[in-house]
Amino acid sequence: MALPEVGSMAPAFSLPNQDGQTVSLADHAGKNVLLWFYPRAFGNN
C-alpha cells in the first residue's frame, strides 16, 4: 500500500482501542483526530 501524500485525506480505517473496542475514523468525522501508536509495543523485539 502506498503512503498517503502529506495534506491528503486519510483513508477509511478501523482499529481496536485500549479497551478492545473497534473504533472507526468515520466515528469522528468532522473532528481533529490524533493517532498514536507504538510500532514495536507488542511485537517480539
PDB file of N, CA and C in Angstrom:
ATOM      1  N   MET A   1       0.843  -1.170   0.000  1.00  0.00           N
ATOM      2  CA  MET A   1       0.000   0.000   0.000  1.00  0.00           C
ATOM      3  C   MET A   1       0.892   1.238   0.000  1.00  0.00           C
ATOM      4  N   ALA A   2       0.602   2.172  -0.864  1.00  0.00           N
ATOM      5  CA  ALA A   2       1.374   3.415  -0.948  1.00  0.00           C
ATOM      6  C   ALA A   2       1.008   4.328   0.224  1.00  0.00           C
ATOM      7  N   LEU A   3       1.971   5.105   0.668  1.00  0.00           N
ATOM      8  CA  LEU A   3       1.716   6.071   1.734  1.00  0.00           C
ATOM      9  C   LEU A   3       0.902   7.237   1.182  1.00  0.00           C
ATOM     10  N   PRO A   4      -0.020   7.788   1.990  1.00  0.00           N
ATOM     11  CA  PRO A   4      -0.786   8.946   1.514  1.00  0.00           C
ATOM     12  C   PRO A   4       0.121  10.182   1.423  1.00  0.00           C
ATOM     13  N   GLU A   5      -0.233  11.094   0.558  1.00  0.00           N
ATOM     14  CA  GLU A   5       0.506  12.345   0.414  1.00  0.00           C
ATOM     15  C   GLU A   5       0.230  13.234   1.629  1.00  0.00           C
ATOM     16  N   VAL A   6       1.212  14.013   2.023  1.00  0.00           N
ATOM     17  CA  VAL A   6       1.035  14.962   3.123  1.00  0.00           C
ATOM     18  C   VAL A   6      -0.095  15.920   2.762  1.00  0.00           C
ATOM     19  N   GLY A   7      -1.030  16.108   3.682  1.00  0.00           N
ATOM     20  CA  GLY A   7      -2.154  17.012   3.472  1.00  0.00           C
ATOM     21  C   GLY A   7      -3.358  16.369   2.823  1.00  0.00           C
ATOM     22  N   SER A   8      -3.247  15.102   2.394  1.00  0.00           N
ATOM     23  CA  SER A   8      -4.384  14.431   1.766  1.00  0.00           C
ATOM     24  C   SER A   8      -5.311  13.865   2.841  1.00  0.00           C
ATOM     25  N   MET A   9      -6.506  13.506   2.422  1.00  0.00           N
ATOM     26  CA  MET A   9      -7.473  12.905   3.342  1.00  0.00           C
ATOM     27  C   MET A   9      -6.995  11.516   3.742  1.00  0.00           C
ATOM     28  N   ALA A  10      -7.208  11.165   4.988  1.00  0.00           N
ATOM     29  CA  ALA A  10      -6.830   9.833   5.477  1.00  0.00           C
ATOM     30  C   ALA A  10      -7.786   8.789   4.902  1.00  0.00           C
ATOM     31  N   PRO A  11      -7.283   7.605   4.577  1.00  0.00           N
ATOM     32  CA  PRO A  11      -8.173   6.539   4.115  1.00  0.00           C
ATOM     33  C   PRO A  11      -9.040   6.038   5.280  1.00  0.00           C
ATOM     34  N   ALA A  12     -10.166   5.461   4.956  1.00  0.00           N
ATOM     35  CA  ALA A  12     -11.043   4.896   5.983  1.00  0.00           C
ATOM     36  C   ALA A  12     -10.330   3.733   6.668  1.00  0.00           C
ATOM     37  N   PHE A  13     -10.412   3.689   7.993  1.00  0.00           N
ATOM     38  CA  PHE A  13      -9.828   2.570   8.721  1.00  0.00           C
ATOM     39  C   PHE A  13     -10.525   2.390  10.055  1.00  0.00           C
ATOM     40  N   SER A  14     -10.381   1.209  10.628  1.00  0.00           N
ATOM     41  CA  SER A  14     -10.895   0.883  11.957  1.00  0.00           C
ATOM     42  C   SER A  14      -9.786   0.179  12.714  1.00  0.00           C
ATOM     43  N   LEU A  15      -9.687   0.476  14.008  1.00  0.00           N
ATOM     44  CA  LEU A  15      -8.658  -0.112  14.860  1.00  0.00           C
ATOM     45  C   LEU A  15      -9.233  -0.374  16.245  1.00  0.00           C
ATOM     46  N   PRO A  16      -8.674  -1.336  16.980  1.00  0.00           N
ATOM     47  CA  PRO A  16      -9.121  -1.536  18.360  1.00  0.00           C
ATOM     48  C   PRO A  16      -8.523  -0.457  19.262  1.00  0.00           C
ATOM     49  N   ASN A  17      -9.309   0.021  20.221  1.00  0.00           N
ATOM     50  CA  ASN A  17      -8.790   0.979  21.197  1.00  0.00           C
ATOM     51  C   ASN A  17      -8.211   0.237  22.390  1.00  0.00           C
ATOM     52  N   GLN A  18      -7.839   0.974  23.417  1.00  0.00           N
ATOM     53  CA  GLN A  18      -7.204   0.369  24.587  1.00  0.00           C
ATOM     54  C   GLN A  18      -8.123  -0.586  25.347  1.00  0.00           C
ATOM     55  N   ASP A  19      -9.442  -0.511  25.081  1.00  0.00           N
ATOM     56  CA  ASP A  19     -10.400  -1.390  25.740  1.00  0.00           C
ATOM     57  C   ASP A  19     -10.822  -2.550  24.843  1.00  0.00           C
ATOM     58  N   GLY A  20     -10.206  -2.660  23.658  1.00  0.00           N
ATOM     59  CA  GLY A  20     -10.521  -3.741  22.740  1.00  0.00           C
ATOM     60  C   GLY A  20     -11.729  -3.478  21.869  1.00  0.00           C
ATOM     61  N   GLN A  21     -12.337  -2.290  21.971  1.00  0.00           N
ATOM     62  CA  GLN A  21     -13.493  -1.944  21.152  1.00  0.00           C
ATOM     63  C   GLN A  21     -13.004  -1.377  19.821  1.00  0.00           C
ATOM     64  N   THR A  22     -13.682  -1.721  18.742  1.00  0.00           N
ATOM     65  CA  THR A  22     -13.305  -1.227  17.428  1.00  0.00           C
ATOM     66  C   THR A  22     -13.791   0.208  17.263  1.00  0.00           C
ATOM     67  N   VAL A  23     -12.872   1.074  16.863  1.00  0.00           N
ATOM     68  CA  VAL A  23     -13.170   2.484  16.622  1.00  0.00           C
ATOM     69  C   VAL A  23     -12.831   2.773  15.167  1.00  0.00           C
ATOM     70  N   SER A  24     -13.732   3.455  14.483  1.00  0.00           N
ATOM     71  CA  SER A  24     -13.547   3.779  13.075  1.00  0.00           C
ATOM     72  C   SER A  24     -13.263   5.266  12.918  1.00  0.00           C
ATOM     73  N   LEU A  25     -12.474   5.619  11.935  1.00  0.00           N
ATOM     74  CA  LEU A  25     -12.213   7.024  11.649  1.00  0.00           C
ATOM     75  C   LEU A  25     -13.528   7.742  11.360  1.00  0.00           C
ATOM     76  N   ALA A  26     -14.463   7.066  10.711  1.00  0.00           N
ATOM     77  CA  ALA A  26     -15.759   7.669  10.390  1.00  0.00           C
ATOM     78  C   ALA A  26     -16.540   8.061  11.652  1.00  0.00           C
ATOM     79  N   ASP A  27     -16.246   7.428  12.788  1.00  0.00           N
ATOM     80  CA  ASP A  27     -16.908   7.772  14.048  1.00  0.00           C
ATOM     81  C   ASP A  27     -16.575   9.194  14.481  1.00  0.00           C
ATOM     82  N   HIS A  28     -15.510   9.749  13.928  1.00  0.00           N
ATOM     83  CA  HIS A  28     -15.030  11.065  14.338  1.00  0.00           C
ATOM     84  C   HIS A  28     -15.015  12.056  13.179  1.00  0.00           C
ATOM     85  N   ALA A  29     -15.887  11.850  12.215  1.00  0.00           N
ATOM     86  CA  ALA A  29     -15.957  12.723  11.037  1.00  0.00           C
ATOM     87  C   ALA A  29     -16.164  14.173  11.463  1.00  0.00           C
ATOM     88  N   GLY A  30     -15.420  15.084  10.854  1.00  0.00           N
ATOM     89  CA  GLY A  30     -15.535  16.498  11.151  1.00  0.00           C
ATOM     90  C   GLY A  30     -14.739  16.951  12.357  1.00  0.00           C
ATOM     91  N   LYS A  31     -14.013  16.035  12.998  1.00  0.00           N
ATOM     92  CA  LYS A  31     -13.219  16.369  14.182  1.00  0.00           C
ATOM     93  C   LYS A  31     -11.741  16.141  13.881  1.00  0.00           C
ATOM     94  N   ASN A  32     -10.890  16.802  14.634  1.00  0.00           N
ATOM     95  CA  ASN A  32      -9.461  16.529  14.534  1.00  0.00           C
ATOM     96  C   ASN A  32      -9.168  15.224  15.250  1.00  0.00           C
ATOM     97  N   VAL A  33      -8.323  14.394  14.652  1.00  0.00           N
ATOM     98  CA  VAL A  33      -8.002  13.083  15.212  1.00  0.00           C
ATOM     99  C   VAL A  33      -6.491  12.925  15.286  1.00  0.00           C
ATOM    100  N   LEU A  34      -6.009  12.441  16.417  1.00  0.00           N
ATOM    101  CA  LEU A  34      -4.598  12.131  16.585  1.00  0.00           C
ATOM    102  C   LEU A  34      -4.486  10.623  16.774  1.00  0.00           C
ATOM    103  N   LEU A  35      -3.725   9.986  15.917  1.00  0.00           N
ATOM    104  CA  LEU A  35      -3.498   8.542  16.007  1.00  0.00           C
ATOM    105  C   LEU A  35      -2.112   8.335  16.589  1.00  0.00           C
ATOM    106  N   TRP A  36      -2.036   7.655  17.717  1.00  0.00           N
ATOM    107  CA  TRP A  36      -0.780   7.435  18.424  1.00  0.00           C
ATOM    108  C   TRP A  36      -0.561   5.936  18.512  1.00  0.00           C
ATOM    109  N   PHE A  37       0.596   5.477  18.121  1.00  0.00           N
ATOM    110  CA  PHE A  37       0.860   4.048  18.199  1.00  0.00           C
ATOM    111  C   PHE A  37       2.343   3.818  18.478  1.00  0.00           C
ATOM    112  N   TYR A  38       2.631   2.653  18.979  1.00  0.00           N
ATOM    113  CA  TYR A  38       3.992   2.218  19.241  1.00  0.00           C
ATOM    114  C   TYR A  38       4.242   1.005  18.354  1.00  0.00           C
ATOM    115  N   PRO A  39       5.007   1.171  17.273  1.00  0.00           N
ATOM    116  CA  PRO A  39       5.178   0.091  16.300  1.00  0.00           C
ATOM    117  C   PRO A  39       5.669  -1.229  16.879  1.00  0.00           C
ATOM    118  N   ARG A  40       6.476  -1.216  17.893  1.00  0.00           N
ATOM    119  CA  ARG A  40       7.022  -2.466  18.437  1.00  0.00           C
ATOM    120  C   ARG A  40       6.514  -2.767  19.846  1.00  0.00           C
ATOM    121  N   ALA A  41       5.460  -2.117  20.263  1.00  0.00           N
ATOM    122  CA  ALA A  41       4.981  -2.267  21.629  1.00  0.00           C
ATOM    123  C   ALA A  41       4.565  -3.707  21.952  1.00  0.00           C
ATOM    124  N   PHE A  42       4.020  -4.420  20.984  1.00  0.00           N
ATOM    125  CA  PHE A  42       3.519  -5.758  21.260  1.00  0.00           C
ATOM    126  C   PHE A  42       4.223  -6.840  20.451  1.00  0.00           C
ATOM    127  N   GLY A  43       5.230  -6.461  19.710  1.00  0.00           N
ATOM    128  CA  GLY A  43       5.951  -7.434  18.884  1.00  0.00           C
ATOM    129  C   GLY A  43       7.124  -8.049  19.622  1.00  0.00           C
ATOM    130  N   ASN A  44       7.744  -8.991  19.001  1.00  0.00           N
ATOM    131  CA  ASN A  44       8.955  -9.587  19.547  1.00  0.00           C
ATOM    132  C   ASN A  44      10.132  -8.742  19.097  1.00  0.00           C
ATOM    133  N   ASN A  45      10.775  -8.105  20.007  1.00  0.00           N
ATOM    134  CA  ASN A  45      11.875  -7.199  19.652  1.00  0.00           C
ATOM    135  C   ASN A  45      13.147  -7.982  19.453  1.00  0.00           C
TER     136      ASN A  45
END
